Amino acid sequence: MKRFIAAIIDIVLFYIFNSLVVLLLLACLLNSNLYIFIDLIFNFYMVIMIIILFAYFFIADYKFSELTVGKKIMNIKPYQHVDKIKFEYAYVHTLIKITASILWPFTLIYFLTHNNTMFYDTILSIEIEN
């Protein structure tokens, strides 16, 4: 249950940050009279979201040893069977997490039916310390 709450915390923080980025972009465009680009922001809103989500997960994986803000608050410590998180691992883990986020209903069903583990835990040999 702690992991589920950590995910909710991360989602809330992500949407707050994402909204701030989009509002900042809109404010800059409105102030510079580049109204034509406002449509682009709305058209590429999902792309902007995925880029921000990728950055959030990648930085958490690569720089903070898989500790997102939600995991830090909930005192969850993932354990990966390597000494140091490598760039390639962080990249693959981030792509899998984004896929899991996009397919969240299936991810949630899997999580609830497989003893509170994510499908990518098995793929990447991740264990959660209690």
N, C-alpha and C. Protein backbone atom coordinates (compact mmCIF):
# COMPACT_ATOMS: atom_id res chain seq x y z
N MET A 1 0.82 -1.20 0.00
CA MET A 1 0.00 0.00 0.00
C MET A 1 0.87 1.27 0.00
N LYS A 2 2.04 1.20 0.67
CA LYS A 2 2.94 2.35 0.69
C LYS A 2 3.38 2.73 -0.72
N ARG A 3 3.61 1.72 -1.54
CA ARG A 3 4.07 1.99 -2.91
C ARG A 3 2.96 2.66 -3.72
N PHE A 4 1.73 2.26 -3.51
CA PHE A 4 0.59 2.87 -4.20
C PHE A 4 0.47 4.34 -3.80
N ILE A 5 0.60 4.63 -2.51
CA ILE A 5 0.52 6.01 -2.03
C ILE A 5 1.69 6.82 -2.59
N ALA A 6 2.88 6.21 -2.66
CA ALA A 6 4.05 6.90 -3.24
C ALA A 6 3.78 7.26 -4.70
N ALA A 7 3.13 6.36 -5.43
CA ALA A 7 2.79 6.63 -6.83
C ALA A 7 1.80 7.78 -6.94
N ILE A 8 0.82 7.83 -6.05
CA ILE A 8 -0.16 8.94 -6.04
C ILE A 8 0.56 10.26 -5.77
N ILE A 9 1.48 10.27 -4.81
CA ILE A 9 2.25 11.48 -4.51
C ILE A 9 3.03 11.93 -5.75
N ASP A 10 3.69 10.98 -6.42
CA ASP A 10 4.45 11.32 -7.63
C ASP A 10 3.55 11.86 -8.73
N ILE A 11 2.37 11.27 -8.88
CA ILE A 11 1.43 11.73 -9.92
C ILE A 11 0.97 13.15 -9.64
N VAL A 12 0.62 13.43 -8.38
CA VAL A 12 0.17 14.78 -8.01
C VAL A 12 1.28 15.79 -8.26
N LEU A 13 2.50 15.47 -7.83
CA LEU A 13 3.63 16.38 -8.06
C LEU A 13 3.90 16.58 -9.55
N PHE A 14 3.79 15.49 -10.31
CA PHE A 14 3.99 15.58 -11.75
C PHE A 14 2.97 16.52 -12.39
N TYR A 15 1.69 16.38 -12.04
CA TYR A 15 0.68 17.24 -12.65
C TYR A 15 0.83 18.70 -12.23
N ILE A 16 1.24 18.93 -11.00
CA ILE A 16 1.49 20.31 -10.56
C ILE A 16 2.64 20.91 -11.37
N PHE A 17 3.76 20.18 -11.45
CA PHE A 17 4.92 20.67 -12.20
C PHE A 17 4.59 20.83 -13.68
N ASN A 18 3.90 19.86 -14.25
CA ASN A 18 3.53 19.91 -15.66
C ASN A 18 2.64 21.13 -15.93
N SER A 19 1.69 21.37 -15.06
CA SER A 19 0.80 22.54 -15.23
C SER A 19 1.59 23.83 -15.16
N LEU A 20 2.53 23.91 -14.24
CA LEU A 20 3.36 25.11 -14.12
C LEU A 20 4.20 25.34 -15.39
N VAL A 21 4.75 24.27 -15.94
CA VAL A 21 5.55 24.40 -17.17
C VAL A 21 4.69 24.89 -18.31
N VAL A 22 3.52 24.31 -18.48
CA VAL A 22 2.64 24.72 -19.58
C VAL A 22 2.17 26.16 -19.38
N LEU A 23 1.81 26.52 -18.15
CA LEU A 23 1.39 27.90 -17.89
C LEU A 23 2.53 28.89 -18.15
N LEU A 24 3.74 28.51 -17.78
CA LEU A 24 4.90 29.36 -18.03
C LEU A 24 5.13 29.53 -19.54
N LEU A 25 5.02 28.45 -20.28
CA LEU A 25 5.15 28.54 -21.74
C LEU A 25 4.07 29.45 -22.34
N LEU A 26 2.84 29.27 -21.88
CA LEU A 26 1.75 30.11 -22.39
C LEU A 26 1.97 31.58 -22.04
N ALA A 27 2.41 31.85 -20.81
CA ALA A 27 2.65 33.23 -20.40
C ALA A 27 3.75 33.87 -21.25
N CYS A 28 4.81 33.12 -21.51
CA CYS A 28 5.90 33.64 -22.34
C CYS A 28 5.42 33.93 -23.75
N LEU A 29 4.61 33.04 -24.29
CA LEU A 29 4.11 33.25 -25.65
C LEU A 29 3.14 34.42 -25.73
N LEU A 30 2.29 34.56 -24.71
CA LEU A 30 1.35 35.68 -24.70
C LEU A 30 2.07 37.02 -24.56
N ASN A 31 3.11 37.05 -23.76
CA ASN A 31 3.88 38.28 -23.57
C ASN A 31 4.69 38.65 -24.80
N SER A 32 5.05 37.66 -25.60
CA SER A 32 5.89 37.95 -26.77
C SER A 32 5.06 38.09 -28.05
N ASN A 33 3.75 38.07 -27.93
CA ASN A 33 2.84 38.20 -29.07
C ASN A 33 3.03 37.10 -30.13
N LEU A 34 3.45 35.94 -29.71
CA LEU A 34 3.59 34.80 -30.62
C LEU A 34 2.38 33.87 -30.45
N TYR A 35 1.22 34.42 -30.74
CA TYR A 35 -0.03 33.69 -30.51
C TYR A 35 -0.14 32.42 -31.35
N ILE A 36 0.55 32.38 -32.46
CA ILE A 36 0.47 31.21 -33.34
C ILE A 36 0.98 29.95 -32.65
N PHE A 37 1.92 30.10 -31.70
CA PHE A 37 2.50 28.94 -31.02
C PHE A 37 1.62 28.39 -29.90
N ILE A 38 0.61 29.14 -29.51
CA ILE A 38 -0.29 28.67 -28.46
C ILE A 38 -1.01 27.40 -28.92
N ASP A 39 -1.43 27.37 -30.17
CA ASP A 39 -2.05 26.16 -30.70
C ASP A 39 -1.09 24.99 -30.67
N LEU A 40 0.17 25.24 -30.94
CA LEU A 40 1.17 24.17 -30.89
C LEU A 40 1.28 23.57 -29.50
N ILE A 41 1.24 24.43 -28.48
CA ILE A 41 1.34 23.92 -27.11
C ILE A 41 0.15 23.02 -26.80
N PHE A 42 -1.03 23.44 -27.18
CA PHE A 42 -2.20 22.61 -26.92
C PHE A 42 -2.17 21.33 -27.75
N ASN A 43 -1.67 21.42 -28.97
CA ASN A 43 -1.59 20.23 -29.82
C ASN A 43 -0.54 19.24 -29.33
N PHE A 44 0.51 19.74 -28.72
CA PHE A 44 1.59 18.88 -28.26
C PHE A 44 1.61 18.73 -26.74
N TYR A 45 0.47 18.95 -26.12
CA TYR A 45 0.38 18.85 -24.66
C TYR A 45 0.80 17.47 -24.16
N MET A 46 0.34 16.41 -24.83
CA MET A 46 0.72 15.05 -24.42
C MET A 46 2.21 14.82 -24.60
N VAL A 47 2.79 15.36 -25.64
CA VAL A 47 4.23 15.21 -25.86
C VAL A 47 4.99 15.92 -24.74
N ILE A 48 4.54 17.12 -24.38
CA ILE A 48 5.17 17.86 -23.28
C ILE A 48 5.06 17.06 -21.99
N MET A 49 3.90 16.46 -21.73
CA MET A 49 3.71 15.66 -20.53
C MET A 49 4.67 14.47 -20.50
N ILE A 50 4.82 13.79 -21.61
CA ILE A 50 5.69 12.61 -21.66
C ILE A 50 7.15 13.02 -21.47
N ILE A 51 7.55 14.15 -22.04
CA ILE A 51 8.92 14.63 -21.86
C ILE A 51 9.19 14.95 -20.39
N ILE A 52 8.26 15.62 -19.73
CA ILE A 52 8.43 15.95 -18.32
C ILE A 52 8.42 14.68 -17.47
N LEU A 53 7.54 13.75 -17.78
CA LEU A 53 7.48 12.48 -17.05
C LEU A 53 8.79 11.71 -17.23
N PHE A 54 9.30 11.69 -18.46
CA PHE A 54 10.56 11.01 -18.73
C PHE A 54 11.69 11.64 -17.90
N ALA A 55 11.75 12.96 -17.89
CA ALA A 55 12.80 13.65 -17.13
C ALA A 55 12.69 13.34 -15.64
N TYR A 56 11.48 13.35 -15.11
CA TYR A 56 11.27 13.09 -13.68
C TYR A 56 11.75 11.68 -13.30
N PHE A 57 11.29 10.68 -14.05
CA PHE A 57 11.67 9.30 -13.74
C PHE A 57 13.16 9.05 -14.00
N PHE A 58 13.68 9.60 -15.09
CA PHE A 58 15.08 9.37 -15.43
C PHE A 58 16.01 9.97 -14.38
N ILE A 59 15.73 11.20 -13.98
CA ILE A 59 16.56 11.84 -12.96
C ILE A 59 16.46 11.08 -11.64
N ALA A 60 15.25 10.65 -11.28
CA ALA A 60 15.09 9.86 -10.05
C ALA A 60 15.88 8.57 -10.12
N ASP A 61 15.86 7.89 -11.26
CA ASP A 61 16.59 6.64 -11.42
C ASP A 61 18.10 6.85 -11.45
N TYR A 62 18.54 7.76 -12.28
CA TYR A 62 19.97 7.90 -12.55
C TYR A 62 20.72 8.66 -11.44
N LYS A 63 20.13 9.72 -10.95
CA LYS A 63 20.82 10.56 -9.97
C LYS A 63 20.49 10.19 -8.51
N PHE A 64 19.29 9.67 -8.28
CA PHE A 64 18.85 9.43 -6.90
C PHE A 64 18.56 7.95 -6.62
N SER A 65 19.17 7.05 -7.38
CA SER A 65 19.04 5.60 -7.15
C SER A 65 17.60 5.13 -7.04
N GLU A 66 16.78 5.53 -8.00
CA GLU A 66 15.37 5.13 -8.13
C GLU A 66 14.46 5.75 -7.07
N LEU A 67 14.94 6.73 -6.32
CA LEU A 67 14.10 7.33 -5.29
C LEU A 67 13.36 8.54 -5.84
N THR A 68 12.09 8.35 -6.16
CA THR A 68 11.26 9.48 -6.53
C THR A 68 10.85 10.19 -5.23
N VAL A 69 10.24 11.33 -5.35
CA VAL A 69 9.81 12.08 -4.18
C VAL A 69 8.80 11.25 -3.38
N GLY A 70 7.88 10.59 -4.08
CA GLY A 70 6.89 9.76 -3.39
C GLY A 70 7.52 8.62 -2.60
N LYS A 71 8.50 7.95 -3.19
CA LYS A 71 9.19 6.87 -2.48
C LYS A 71 9.97 7.41 -1.28
N LYS A 72 10.56 8.57 -1.45
CA LYS A 72 11.31 9.19 -0.35
C LYS A 72 10.37 9.52 0.81
N ILE A 73 9.23 10.13 0.52
CA ILE A 73 8.25 10.48 1.56
C ILE A 73 7.72 9.24 2.26
N MET A 74 7.46 8.17 1.49
CA MET A 74 6.90 6.94 2.06
C MET A 74 7.98 6.00 2.60
N ASN A 75 9.24 6.43 2.54
CA ASN A 75 10.37 5.64 3.05
C ASN A 75 10.46 4.26 2.40
N ILE A 76 10.37 4.24 1.08
CA ILE A 76 10.49 3.02 0.30
C ILE A 76 11.87 3.01 -0.33
N LYS A 77 12.57 1.91 -0.18
CA LYS A 77 13.92 1.80 -0.74
C LYS A 77 13.98 0.67 -1.75
N PRO A 78 14.01 1.02 -3.05
CA PRO A 78 14.18 -0.03 -4.06
C PRO A 78 15.61 -0.55 -4.04
N TYR A 79 15.75 -1.83 -4.31
CA TYR A 79 17.07 -2.43 -4.34
C TYR A 79 17.27 -3.10 -5.68
N GLN A 80 18.26 -2.65 -6.42
CA GLN A 80 18.60 -3.22 -7.72
C GLN A 80 19.91 -3.96 -7.55
N HIS A 81 20.05 -5.09 -8.17
CA HIS A 81 21.22 -5.95 -7.97
C HIS A 81 22.44 -5.49 -8.75
N VAL A 82 22.73 -4.20 -8.71
CA VAL A 82 23.96 -3.66 -9.28
C VAL A 82 24.51 -2.63 -8.30
N ASP A 83 25.80 -2.36 -8.40
CA ASP A 83 26.41 -1.41 -7.47
C ASP A 83 25.98 0.02 -7.74
N LYS A 84 25.87 0.38 -9.00
CA LYS A 84 25.53 1.75 -9.36
C LYS A 84 24.54 1.72 -10.52
N ILE A 85 23.56 2.59 -10.46
CA ILE A 85 22.58 2.68 -11.54
C ILE A 85 23.29 3.22 -12.78
N LYS A 86 23.22 2.47 -13.84
CA LYS A 86 23.87 2.88 -15.08
C LYS A 86 22.88 3.63 -15.97
N PHE A 87 23.43 4.40 -16.88
CA PHE A 87 22.62 5.20 -17.79
C PHE A 87 21.63 4.32 -18.55
N GLU A 88 22.11 3.19 -19.10
CA GLU A 88 21.25 2.31 -19.90
C GLU A 88 20.10 1.75 -19.08
N TYR A 89 20.41 1.34 -17.83
CA TYR A 89 19.37 0.82 -16.95
C TYR A 89 18.32 1.90 -16.65
N ALA A 90 18.79 3.09 -16.31
CA ALA A 90 17.87 4.19 -16.00
C ALA A 90 16.99 4.51 -17.20
N TYR A 91 17.58 4.48 -18.40
CA TYR A 91 16.83 4.77 -19.62
C TYR A 91 15.74 3.72 -19.86
N VAL A 92 16.10 2.45 -19.78
CA VAL A 92 15.13 1.36 -19.99
C VAL A 92 14.05 1.39 -18.91
N HIS A 93 14.47 1.56 -17.66
CA HIS A 93 13.51 1.61 -16.55
C HIS A 93 12.52 2.76 -16.73
N THR A 94 13.03 3.90 -17.17
CA THR A 94 12.17 5.06 -17.40
C THR A 94 11.17 4.80 -18.52
N LEU A 95 11.62 4.21 -19.62
CA LEU A 95 10.70 3.90 -20.72
C LEU A 95 9.62 2.91 -20.29
N ILE A 96 10.00 1.92 -19.50
CA ILE A 96 9.01 0.95 -19.01
C ILE A 96 8.03 1.62 -18.06
N LYS A 97 8.52 2.51 -17.18
CA LYS A 97 7.63 3.21 -16.26
C LYS A 97 6.65 4.12 -17.01
N ILE A 98 7.12 4.77 -18.06
CA ILE A 98 6.22 5.62 -18.84
C ILE A 98 5.15 4.77 -19.52
N THR A 99 5.55 3.64 -20.06
CA THR A 99 4.57 2.72 -20.66
C THR A 99 3.56 2.27 -19.61
N ALA A 100 4.05 1.93 -18.42
CA ALA A 100 3.15 1.53 -17.34
C ALA A 100 2.22 2.68 -16.94
N SER A 101 2.73 3.91 -16.98
CA SER A 101 1.89 5.07 -16.64
C SER A 101 0.81 5.31 -17.68
N ILE A 102 1.16 5.14 -18.94
CA ILE A 102 0.18 5.32 -20.01
C ILE A 102 -0.90 4.24 -19.95
N LEU A 103 -0.47 3.02 -19.63
CA LEU A 103 -1.40 1.89 -19.53
C LEU A 103 -1.82 1.66 -18.08
N TRP A 104 -2.05 2.73 -17.35
CA TRP A 104 -2.24 2.66 -15.90
C TRP A 104 -3.35 1.72 -15.45
N PRO A 105 -4.47 1.56 -16.16
CA PRO A 105 -5.47 0.60 -15.64
C PRO A 105 -4.92 -0.83 -15.56
N PHE A 106 -4.18 -1.24 -16.60
CA PHE A 106 -3.59 -2.58 -16.60
C PHE A 106 -2.49 -2.69 -15.55
N THR A 107 -1.72 -1.63 -15.40
CA THR A 107 -0.66 -1.61 -14.39
C THR A 107 -1.25 -1.73 -12.99
N LEU A 108 -2.34 -1.03 -12.73
CA LEU A 108 -2.98 -1.08 -11.43
C LEU A 108 -3.53 -2.48 -11.16
N ILE A 109 -4.17 -3.09 -12.14
CA ILE A 109 -4.70 -4.45 -11.96
C ILE A 109 -3.56 -5.42 -11.67
N TYR A 110 -2.47 -5.31 -12.43
CA TYR A 110 -1.31 -6.17 -12.20
C TYR A 110 -0.77 -5.97 -10.79
N PHE A 111 -0.62 -4.73 -10.38
CA PHE A 111 -0.09 -4.38 -9.06
C PHE A 111 -0.94 -5.00 -7.96
N LEU A 112 -2.25 -4.89 -8.09
CA LEU A 112 -3.15 -5.38 -7.05
C LEU A 112 -3.25 -6.91 -7.02
N THR A 113 -3.01 -7.55 -8.15
CA THR A 113 -3.14 -9.00 -8.22
C THR A 113 -1.82 -9.75 -8.10
N HIS A 114 -0.71 -9.04 -8.02
CA HIS A 114 0.61 -9.68 -7.92
C HIS A 114 1.39 -9.21 -6.70
N ASN A 115 0.73 -9.20 -5.56
CA ASN A 115 1.38 -8.93 -4.28
C ASN A 115 2.10 -7.58 -4.25
N ASN A 116 1.44 -6.56 -4.76
CA ASN A 116 1.96 -5.19 -4.74
C ASN A 116 3.32 -5.04 -5.42
N THR A 117 3.51 -5.73 -6.53
CA THR A 117 4.72 -5.57 -7.33
C THR A 117 4.33 -5.08 -8.72
N MET A 118 5.26 -4.41 -9.35
CA MET A 118 5.03 -3.93 -10.71
C MET A 118 5.63 -4.94 -11.68
N PHE A 119 5.10 -4.99 -12.89
CA PHE A 119 5.60 -5.97 -13.85
C PHE A 119 7.07 -5.72 -14.20
N TYR A 120 7.50 -4.48 -14.13
CA TYR A 120 8.89 -4.19 -14.47
C TYR A 120 9.85 -4.54 -13.33
N ASP A 121 9.33 -4.79 -12.12
CA ASP A 121 10.20 -5.26 -11.04
C ASP A 121 10.83 -6.59 -11.41
N THR A 122 10.03 -7.46 -11.97
CA THR A 122 10.53 -8.77 -12.38
C THR A 122 11.49 -8.64 -13.56
N ILE A 123 11.13 -7.83 -14.53
CA ILE A 123 11.95 -7.66 -15.73
C ILE A 123 13.33 -7.12 -15.36
N LEU A 124 13.38 -6.17 -14.44
CA LEU A 124 14.64 -5.49 -14.11
C LEU A 124 15.27 -5.95 -12.79
N SER A 125 14.72 -7.02 -12.20
CA SER A 125 15.25 -7.58 -10.94
C SER A 125 15.29 -6.55 -9.82
N ILE A 126 14.19 -5.88 -9.61
CA ILE A 126 14.08 -4.86 -8.55
C ILE A 126 13.36 -5.47 -7.37
N GLU A 127 13.89 -5.24 -6.19
CA GLU A 127 13.24 -5.64 -4.95
C GLU A 127 13.00 -4.40 -4.11
N ILE A 128 11.96 -4.43 -3.31
CA ILE A 128 11.66 -3.31 -2.43
C ILE A 128 11.97 -3.72 -1.00
N GLU A 129 12.84 -2.96 -0.33
CA GLU A 129 13.17 -3.24 1.06
C GLU A 129 12.04 -2.77 1.95
N ASN A 130 11.74 -3.54 2.98
CA ASN A 130 10.69 -3.15 3.93
C ASN A 130 11.25 -2.30 5.03
